N, C-alpha and C. Protein backbone atom coordinates (compact mmCIF):
# COMPACT_ATOMS: atom_id res chain seq x y z
N MET A 1 -15.47 23.62 -38.75
CA MET A 1 -14.81 22.40 -38.38
C MET A 1 -15.27 21.25 -39.29
N GLN A 2 -16.55 21.23 -39.66
CA GLN A 2 -17.04 20.17 -40.54
C GLN A 2 -16.37 20.25 -41.91
N LYS A 3 -16.12 21.47 -42.37
CA LYS A 3 -15.46 21.64 -43.66
C LYS A 3 -14.06 21.03 -43.60
N PHE A 4 -13.36 21.23 -42.50
CA PHE A 4 -12.02 20.66 -42.37
C PHE A 4 -12.10 19.15 -42.28
N SER A 5 -13.08 18.63 -41.55
CA SER A 5 -13.25 17.18 -41.45
C SER A 5 -13.44 16.55 -42.82
N ARG A 6 -14.25 17.19 -43.65
CA ARG A 6 -14.48 16.67 -45.01
C ARG A 6 -13.19 16.71 -45.83
N LEU A 7 -12.34 17.64 -45.52
CA LEU A 7 -11.08 17.78 -46.24
C LEU A 7 -10.17 16.58 -46.02
N VAL A 8 -10.19 16.01 -44.82
CA VAL A 8 -9.23 14.95 -44.49
C VAL A 8 -9.83 13.58 -44.21
N ALA A 9 -11.09 13.50 -43.84
CA ALA A 9 -11.70 12.23 -43.42
C ALA A 9 -11.71 11.20 -44.56
N GLY A 10 -11.22 10.02 -44.23
CA GLY A 10 -11.26 8.92 -45.18
C GLY A 10 -10.27 9.02 -46.32
N LYS A 11 -9.39 9.99 -46.29
CA LYS A 11 -8.42 10.16 -47.37
C LYS A 11 -7.13 9.42 -47.02
N PRO A 12 -6.49 8.85 -48.05
CA PRO A 12 -5.17 8.28 -47.79
C PRO A 12 -4.24 9.40 -47.34
N ASP A 13 -3.40 9.12 -46.38
CA ASP A 13 -2.52 10.18 -45.89
C ASP A 13 -1.07 9.70 -45.80
N ALA A 14 -0.22 10.66 -45.56
CA ALA A 14 1.20 10.39 -45.32
C ALA A 14 1.62 11.34 -44.21
N VAL A 15 2.61 10.92 -43.44
CA VAL A 15 3.12 11.77 -42.37
C VAL A 15 4.57 12.10 -42.69
N ASP A 16 4.86 13.39 -42.73
CA ASP A 16 6.21 13.88 -43.01
C ASP A 16 6.78 14.36 -41.68
N TYR A 17 7.81 13.67 -41.19
CA TYR A 17 8.39 14.09 -39.92
C TYR A 17 9.87 13.76 -39.85
N ASP A 18 10.56 14.49 -38.99
CA ASP A 18 11.99 14.30 -38.78
C ASP A 18 12.32 13.92 -37.35
N GLU A 19 11.36 14.10 -36.44
CA GLU A 19 11.69 13.87 -35.04
C GLU A 19 10.47 13.45 -34.23
N ARG A 20 10.75 13.07 -33.00
CA ARG A 20 9.71 12.77 -32.02
C ARG A 20 9.91 13.70 -30.83
N GLY A 21 8.80 14.05 -30.19
CA GLY A 21 8.86 14.92 -29.02
C GLY A 21 9.31 14.18 -27.78
N ARG A 22 9.33 14.89 -26.67
CA ARG A 22 9.85 14.30 -25.43
C ARG A 22 8.99 13.14 -24.91
N TYR A 23 7.75 13.04 -25.34
CA TYR A 23 6.89 11.93 -24.93
C TYR A 23 6.78 10.86 -26.01
N GLY A 24 7.66 10.93 -27.01
CA GLY A 24 7.68 9.95 -28.07
C GLY A 24 6.68 10.20 -29.19
N ARG A 25 5.96 11.31 -29.13
CA ARG A 25 4.99 11.62 -30.18
C ARG A 25 5.70 12.16 -31.41
N ILE A 26 5.16 11.83 -32.56
CA ILE A 26 5.72 12.33 -33.82
C ILE A 26 5.44 13.82 -33.94
N ILE A 27 6.46 14.56 -34.33
CA ILE A 27 6.31 15.99 -34.61
C ILE A 27 6.47 16.12 -36.12
N GLY A 28 5.38 16.39 -36.79
CA GLY A 28 5.45 16.45 -38.25
C GLY A 28 4.17 16.99 -38.85
N LYS A 29 4.00 16.71 -40.13
CA LYS A 29 2.85 17.19 -40.89
C LYS A 29 2.09 16.00 -41.46
N VAL A 30 0.78 16.11 -41.48
CA VAL A 30 -0.07 15.11 -42.14
C VAL A 30 -0.40 15.68 -43.52
N ILE A 31 -0.13 14.88 -44.53
CA ILE A 31 -0.34 15.30 -45.92
C ILE A 31 -1.42 14.38 -46.52
N VAL A 32 -2.41 14.98 -47.18
CA VAL A 32 -3.47 14.20 -47.85
C VAL A 32 -3.58 14.64 -49.31
N ALA A 33 -4.30 13.84 -50.07
CA ALA A 33 -4.58 14.21 -51.46
C ALA A 33 -5.71 15.23 -51.46
N PRO A 34 -5.53 16.38 -52.10
CA PRO A 34 -6.63 17.35 -52.17
C PRO A 34 -7.79 16.78 -52.97
N ALA A 35 -9.00 17.19 -52.62
CA ALA A 35 -10.21 16.66 -53.26
C ALA A 35 -10.16 16.80 -54.77
N GLU A 36 -9.66 17.92 -55.26
CA GLU A 36 -9.63 18.14 -56.71
C GLU A 36 -8.61 17.25 -57.42
N ALA A 37 -7.66 16.68 -56.67
CA ALA A 37 -6.63 15.84 -57.28
C ALA A 37 -7.10 14.41 -57.50
N CYS A 38 -8.06 13.99 -56.70
CA CYS A 38 -8.46 12.59 -56.78
C CYS A 38 -9.90 12.45 -56.29
N LEU A 39 -10.77 11.96 -57.12
CA LEU A 39 -12.17 11.86 -56.76
C LEU A 39 -12.48 10.70 -55.83
N ALA A 40 -11.70 9.66 -55.87
CA ALA A 40 -11.92 8.49 -55.01
C ALA A 40 -10.77 8.38 -54.01
N ALA A 41 -11.05 7.76 -52.89
CA ALA A 41 -10.02 7.56 -51.86
C ALA A 41 -9.11 6.42 -52.31
N ARG A 42 -8.09 6.78 -53.09
CA ARG A 42 -7.15 5.78 -53.60
C ARG A 42 -5.77 6.09 -53.06
N ASP A 43 -4.99 5.06 -52.82
CA ASP A 43 -3.64 5.24 -52.29
C ASP A 43 -2.68 5.87 -53.29
N ASP A 44 -2.98 5.80 -54.58
CA ASP A 44 -2.06 6.33 -55.58
C ASP A 44 -2.30 7.81 -55.89
N CYS A 45 -3.25 8.45 -55.23
CA CYS A 45 -3.48 9.88 -55.45
C CYS A 45 -2.32 10.68 -54.85
N PRO A 46 -1.88 11.72 -55.54
CA PRO A 46 -0.76 12.50 -55.01
C PRO A 46 -1.15 13.23 -53.72
N LYS A 47 -0.36 13.05 -52.69
CA LYS A 47 -0.62 13.67 -51.39
C LYS A 47 0.18 14.97 -51.32
N THR A 48 -0.51 16.09 -51.48
CA THR A 48 0.18 17.38 -51.54
C THR A 48 -0.41 18.42 -50.60
N LEU A 49 -1.55 18.13 -49.97
CA LEU A 49 -2.21 19.11 -49.11
C LEU A 49 -1.74 18.95 -47.67
N ASP A 50 -1.06 19.94 -47.15
CA ASP A 50 -0.55 19.96 -45.78
C ASP A 50 -1.72 20.33 -44.85
N THR A 51 -2.21 19.36 -44.08
CA THR A 51 -3.38 19.61 -43.24
C THR A 51 -3.08 20.59 -42.10
N ASN A 52 -1.83 20.61 -41.63
CA ASN A 52 -1.46 21.58 -40.60
C ASN A 52 -1.64 22.99 -41.14
N LEU A 53 -1.05 23.23 -42.31
CA LEU A 53 -1.14 24.55 -42.93
C LEU A 53 -2.59 24.90 -43.26
N ALA A 54 -3.37 23.90 -43.69
CA ALA A 54 -4.78 24.15 -44.01
C ALA A 54 -5.53 24.65 -42.78
N GLN A 55 -5.22 24.12 -41.61
CA GLN A 55 -5.88 24.58 -40.38
C GLN A 55 -5.55 26.05 -40.09
N PHE A 56 -4.31 26.45 -40.29
CA PHE A 56 -3.93 27.85 -40.08
C PHE A 56 -4.64 28.74 -41.09
N THR A 57 -4.70 28.27 -42.34
CA THR A 57 -5.27 29.05 -43.43
C THR A 57 -6.74 29.41 -43.19
N VAL A 58 -7.49 28.51 -42.57
CA VAL A 58 -8.92 28.78 -42.34
C VAL A 58 -9.21 29.27 -40.92
N GLY A 59 -8.18 29.42 -40.12
CA GLY A 59 -8.37 29.97 -38.78
C GLY A 59 -8.79 28.96 -37.73
N LEU A 60 -8.44 27.69 -37.90
CA LEU A 60 -8.82 26.66 -36.94
C LEU A 60 -7.69 26.23 -36.02
N ALA A 61 -6.52 26.83 -36.18
CA ALA A 61 -5.39 26.42 -35.34
C ALA A 61 -4.47 27.60 -35.06
N TRP A 62 -3.80 27.52 -33.94
CA TRP A 62 -2.79 28.50 -33.57
C TRP A 62 -1.44 27.99 -34.04
N TRP A 63 -0.61 28.91 -34.48
CA TRP A 63 0.76 28.55 -34.82
C TRP A 63 1.58 28.70 -33.53
N TYR A 64 2.21 27.62 -33.11
CA TYR A 64 2.95 27.59 -31.85
C TYR A 64 4.36 28.12 -32.07
N ARG A 65 4.54 29.40 -31.79
CA ARG A 65 5.79 30.08 -32.08
C ARG A 65 7.00 29.52 -31.32
N LYS A 66 6.77 28.94 -30.15
CA LYS A 66 7.89 28.39 -29.38
C LYS A 66 8.59 27.25 -30.12
N ARG A 67 7.87 26.60 -31.02
CA ARG A 67 8.47 25.50 -31.80
C ARG A 67 8.91 25.97 -33.19
N ALA A 68 8.81 27.24 -33.48
CA ALA A 68 9.13 27.76 -34.81
C ALA A 68 10.54 27.40 -35.24
N LYS A 69 11.48 27.49 -34.32
CA LYS A 69 12.87 27.20 -34.68
C LYS A 69 13.08 25.74 -35.07
N ASP A 70 12.15 24.87 -34.70
CA ASP A 70 12.24 23.45 -35.03
C ASP A 70 11.63 23.13 -36.39
N GLN A 71 10.94 24.11 -36.98
CA GLN A 71 10.31 23.89 -38.28
C GLN A 71 11.28 24.23 -39.41
N ARG A 72 11.06 23.61 -40.54
CA ARG A 72 11.82 24.00 -41.72
C ARG A 72 11.45 25.44 -42.06
N GLN A 73 12.41 26.20 -42.54
CA GLN A 73 12.20 27.63 -42.77
C GLN A 73 11.02 27.91 -43.70
N ASP A 74 10.89 27.18 -44.80
CA ASP A 74 9.79 27.43 -45.73
C ASP A 74 8.44 27.14 -45.08
N HIS A 75 8.37 26.08 -44.29
CA HIS A 75 7.11 25.73 -43.62
C HIS A 75 6.77 26.76 -42.54
N ARG A 76 7.77 27.18 -41.80
CA ARG A 76 7.58 28.21 -40.77
C ARG A 76 7.02 29.48 -41.38
N TYR A 77 7.58 29.90 -42.50
CA TYR A 77 7.11 31.11 -43.16
C TYR A 77 5.65 30.97 -43.61
N ARG A 78 5.31 29.82 -44.22
CA ARG A 78 3.92 29.63 -44.68
C ARG A 78 2.93 29.61 -43.52
N CYS A 79 3.30 28.95 -42.42
CA CYS A 79 2.40 28.87 -41.26
C CYS A 79 2.20 30.25 -40.64
N GLU A 80 3.27 30.96 -40.44
CA GLU A 80 3.18 32.30 -39.84
C GLU A 80 2.37 33.24 -40.73
N SER A 81 2.61 33.19 -42.03
CA SER A 81 1.88 34.06 -42.96
C SER A 81 0.39 33.74 -42.97
N ALA A 82 0.06 32.45 -42.99
CA ALA A 82 -1.35 32.04 -43.00
C ALA A 82 -2.05 32.51 -41.73
N GLU A 83 -1.41 32.32 -40.58
CA GLU A 83 -2.04 32.74 -39.33
C GLU A 83 -2.20 34.26 -39.28
N THR A 84 -1.21 34.98 -39.75
CA THR A 84 -1.28 36.45 -39.75
C THR A 84 -2.47 36.93 -40.57
N LEU A 85 -2.67 36.33 -41.74
CA LEU A 85 -3.78 36.73 -42.60
C LEU A 85 -5.14 36.48 -41.95
N VAL A 86 -5.34 35.31 -41.35
CA VAL A 86 -6.64 35.03 -40.75
C VAL A 86 -6.86 35.84 -39.49
N ARG A 87 -5.80 36.16 -38.78
CA ARG A 87 -5.94 37.06 -37.61
C ARG A 87 -6.47 38.42 -38.05
N GLU A 88 -5.90 38.93 -39.14
CA GLU A 88 -6.32 40.24 -39.66
C GLU A 88 -7.77 40.22 -40.14
N GLU A 89 -8.23 39.06 -40.59
CA GLU A 89 -9.61 38.90 -41.06
C GLU A 89 -10.57 38.56 -39.93
N ASN A 90 -10.04 38.39 -38.71
CA ASN A 90 -10.85 37.96 -37.56
C ASN A 90 -11.61 36.67 -37.84
N ALA A 91 -10.93 35.74 -38.47
CA ALA A 91 -11.55 34.47 -38.83
C ALA A 91 -11.55 33.51 -37.64
N VAL A 92 -12.59 32.77 -37.49
CA VAL A 92 -12.84 31.69 -36.54
C VAL A 92 -12.25 31.94 -35.16
N LEU A 93 -11.02 31.50 -34.91
CA LEU A 93 -10.43 31.67 -33.58
C LEU A 93 -10.31 33.13 -33.17
N TRP A 94 -10.06 33.99 -34.12
CA TRP A 94 -9.83 35.40 -33.79
C TRP A 94 -11.09 36.24 -33.86
N ALA A 95 -12.23 35.60 -34.03
CA ALA A 95 -13.50 36.31 -34.00
C ALA A 95 -13.90 36.63 -32.56
N GLU A 96 -13.32 35.90 -31.61
CA GLU A 96 -13.59 36.15 -30.19
C GLU A 96 -12.90 37.44 -29.74
N ASN A 97 -13.42 38.05 -28.66
CA ASN A 97 -12.81 39.28 -28.15
C ASN A 97 -11.39 39.05 -27.64
N GLU A 98 -11.21 37.99 -26.87
CA GLU A 98 -9.89 37.69 -26.31
C GLU A 98 -9.60 36.21 -26.47
N PRO A 99 -9.20 35.79 -27.67
CA PRO A 99 -8.94 34.38 -27.89
C PRO A 99 -7.76 33.89 -27.05
N VAL A 100 -7.86 32.66 -26.59
CA VAL A 100 -6.82 32.07 -25.74
C VAL A 100 -6.19 30.90 -26.48
N PRO A 101 -4.87 30.93 -26.66
CA PRO A 101 -4.21 29.80 -27.33
C PRO A 101 -4.44 28.50 -26.57
N SER A 102 -4.48 27.41 -27.30
CA SER A 102 -4.79 26.11 -26.69
C SER A 102 -3.81 25.74 -25.58
N TRP A 103 -2.53 26.04 -25.74
CA TRP A 103 -1.56 25.67 -24.70
C TRP A 103 -1.78 26.47 -23.42
N GLU A 104 -2.24 27.72 -23.52
CA GLU A 104 -2.56 28.50 -22.32
C GLU A 104 -3.84 27.98 -21.67
N TRP A 105 -4.83 27.62 -22.48
CA TRP A 105 -6.09 27.08 -21.97
C TRP A 105 -5.83 25.80 -21.19
N ARG A 106 -5.00 24.90 -21.76
CA ARG A 106 -4.69 23.64 -21.06
C ARG A 106 -3.94 23.90 -19.76
N ARG A 107 -3.02 24.85 -19.76
CA ARG A 107 -2.27 25.18 -18.55
C ARG A 107 -3.21 25.68 -17.46
N GLU A 108 -4.18 26.50 -17.81
CA GLU A 108 -5.15 27.01 -16.83
C GLU A 108 -6.01 25.87 -16.28
N LYS A 109 -6.39 24.93 -17.12
CA LYS A 109 -7.21 23.80 -16.69
C LYS A 109 -6.45 22.91 -15.70
N ARG A 110 -5.14 22.83 -15.81
CA ARG A 110 -4.34 22.00 -14.90
C ARG A 110 -4.22 22.62 -13.52
N LYS A 111 -4.38 23.93 -13.43
CA LYS A 111 -4.22 24.61 -12.13
C LYS A 111 -5.33 24.28 -11.18
C-alpha cells in the first residue's frame, strides 16, 4: 500500500469521467504523471498513469464486474486482464485463503 501511495501522493492529477453515480459521485479514472515522466510535481507533466488500473495490476483492488458494461471496452479489457494475472499469481488480495470483495464485506457489515 505504501508503494501505491508513493505512486500518487502529491502528484498533479486529472480525472477522466463521463458520468456520475446515483449519489452524485464521479465515476471515472484518476490519471497522474508517472514518476519516470517527471521528476518534480509540476502541472505540465504528462498525466498518463491510470491509478485505477495500477491498483488492479499490483493486486490492491477488485475489478467490479457489475459495472463492466459501463466501462469503455479498452479499459474494461485492461482491468479484467490485470486482475486475472494477479489472481493467478496470488498477489496481495488473493494471497488470502478466501478473499472477500469489498462490496460483499461492506454488505456484511451493514447486517
